[in-house]
Amino acid sequence: MTVIERLLCIIEYRKEELSYLSLIKGTHDPSIIKLSQELDKLIYKYQKLNLFSNSQMSIHLTKK
């Protein structure tokens, strides 16, 4: 499993966790807001890693 795949799994788990806790605590609870912000950071990291990975692959393919 690559780092990108692992990060995607973590994001999916956190999304489910956040959805569940939001139903229990409400979306304005400070802990939900914090979890949401952490999820946003993970998604941003995933997007950057994925973009970097794709650009590296593109460079590699064009050199052949």
C-alpha atoms as a PDB file:
ATOM      1  CA  MET A   1       0.000   0.000   0.000  1.00  0.00           C
ATOM      2  CA  THR A   2       1.439   3.354  -1.004  1.00  0.00           C
ATOM      3  CA  VAL A   3       1.469   6.431   1.190  1.00  0.00           C
ATOM      4  CA  ILE A   4      -1.196   8.024  -0.999  1.00  0.00           C
ATOM      5  CA  GLU A   5      -3.461   4.965  -0.722  1.00  0.00           C
ATOM      6  CA  ARG A   6      -2.977   4.860   3.049  1.00  0.00           C
ATOM      7  CA  LEU A   7      -3.783   8.543   3.359  1.00  0.00           C
ATOM      8  CA  LEU A   8      -6.929   8.041   1.299  1.00  0.00           C
ATOM      9  CA  CYS A   9      -8.025   5.234   3.648  1.00  0.00           C
ATOM     10  CA  ILE A  10      -7.454   7.489   6.651  1.00  0.00           C
ATOM     11  CA  ILE A  11      -9.471  10.264   4.999  1.00  0.00           C
ATOM     12  CA  GLU A  12     -12.376   7.905   4.301  1.00  0.00           C
ATOM     13  CA  TYR A  13     -12.358   6.660   7.903  1.00  0.00           C
ATOM     14  CA  ARG A  14     -12.224  10.199   9.292  1.00  0.00           C
ATOM     15  CA  LYS A  15     -15.100  11.298   7.042  1.00  0.00           C
ATOM     16  CA  GLU A  16     -17.285   8.487   8.377  1.00  0.00           C
ATOM     17  CA  GLU A  17     -16.246   9.265  11.944  1.00  0.00           C
ATOM     18  CA  LEU A  18     -16.977  12.961  11.483  1.00  0.00           C
ATOM     19  CA  SER A  19     -20.397  12.263   9.952  1.00  0.00           C
ATOM     20  CA  TYR A  20     -21.335   9.972  12.829  1.00  0.00           C
ATOM     21  CA  LEU A  21     -20.139  12.348  15.536  1.00  0.00           C
ATOM     22  CA  SER A  22     -21.849  15.303  13.825  1.00  0.00           C
ATOM     23  CA  LEU A  23     -25.171  13.512  14.128  1.00  0.00           C
ATOM     24  CA  ILE A  24     -24.599  12.950  17.836  1.00  0.00           C
ATOM     25  CA  LYS A  25     -23.016  16.247  18.875  1.00  0.00           C
ATOM     26  CA  GLY A  26     -24.195  18.644  16.183  1.00  0.00           C
ATOM     27  CA  THR A  27     -22.114  20.445  13.611  1.00  0.00           C
ATOM     28  CA  HIS A  28     -21.376  23.475  15.827  1.00  0.00           C
ATOM     29  CA  ASP A  29     -19.680  21.499  18.592  1.00  0.00           C
ATOM     30  CA  PRO A  30     -16.036  22.636  19.022  1.00  0.00           C
ATOM     31  CA  SER A  31     -14.724  19.064  18.788  1.00  0.00           C
ATOM     32  CA  ILE A  32     -16.546  18.559  15.471  1.00  0.00           C
ATOM     33  CA  ILE A  33     -15.110  21.792  14.112  1.00  0.00           C
ATOM     34  CA  LYS A  34     -11.609  20.688  15.122  1.00  0.00           C
ATOM     35  CA  LEU A  35     -12.068  17.255  13.505  1.00  0.00           C
ATOM     36  CA  SER A  36     -13.362  18.935  10.368  1.00  0.00           C
ATOM     37  CA  GLN A  37     -10.309  21.183  10.202  1.00  0.00           C
ATOM     38  CA  GLU A  38      -8.013  18.176  10.668  1.00  0.00           C
ATOM     39  CA  LEU A  39      -9.837  16.371   7.875  1.00  0.00           C
ATOM     40  CA  ASP A  40      -9.388  19.411   5.621  1.00  0.00           C
ATOM     41  CA  LYS A  41      -5.633  19.294   6.283  1.00  0.00           C
ATOM     42  CA  LEU A  42      -5.488  15.582   5.427  1.00  0.00           C
ATOM     43  CA  ILE A  43      -7.400  16.181   2.190  1.00  0.00           C
ATOM     44  CA  TYR A  44      -5.031  19.011   1.286  1.00  0.00           C
ATOM     45  CA  LYS A  45      -2.002  16.758   1.923  1.00  0.00           C
ATOM     46  CA  TYR A  46      -3.571  14.035  -0.185  1.00  0.00           C
ATOM     47  CA  GLN A  47      -4.198  16.434  -3.058  1.00  0.00           C
ATOM     48  CA  LYS A  48      -0.625  17.757  -2.943  1.00  0.00           C
ATOM     49  CA  LEU A  49       0.885  14.256  -2.795  1.00  0.00           C
ATOM     50  CA  ASN A  50      -1.349  13.035  -5.573  1.00  0.00           C
ATOM     51  CA  LEU A  51      -0.534  16.038  -7.761  1.00  0.00           C
ATOM     52  CA  PHE A  52       3.201  15.590  -7.110  1.00  0.00           C
ATOM     53  CA  SER A  53       2.980  11.878  -7.823  1.00  0.00           C
ATOM     54  CA  ASN A  54       1.113  12.464 -11.081  1.00  0.00           C
ATOM     55  CA  SER A  55       3.562  15.150 -12.215  1.00  0.00           C
ATOM     56  CA  GLN A  56       6.507  12.867 -11.449  1.00  0.00           C
ATOM     57  CA  MET A  57       4.903  10.063 -13.411  1.00  0.00           C
ATOM     58  CA  SER A  58       4.248  12.419 -16.310  1.00  0.00           C
ATOM     59  CA  ILE A  59       7.886  13.553 -16.314  1.00  0.00           C
ATOM     60  CA  HIS A  60       9.041   9.949 -16.171  1.00  0.00           C
ATOM     61  CA  LEU A  61       6.819   8.935 -19.100  1.00  0.00           C
ATOM     62  CA  THR A  62       7.898  11.852 -21.287  1.00  0.00           C
ATOM     63  CA  LYS A  63      11.586  10.992 -20.815  1.00  0.00           C
ATOM     64  CA  LYS A  64      11.144   7.530 -22.345  1.00  0.00           C
END
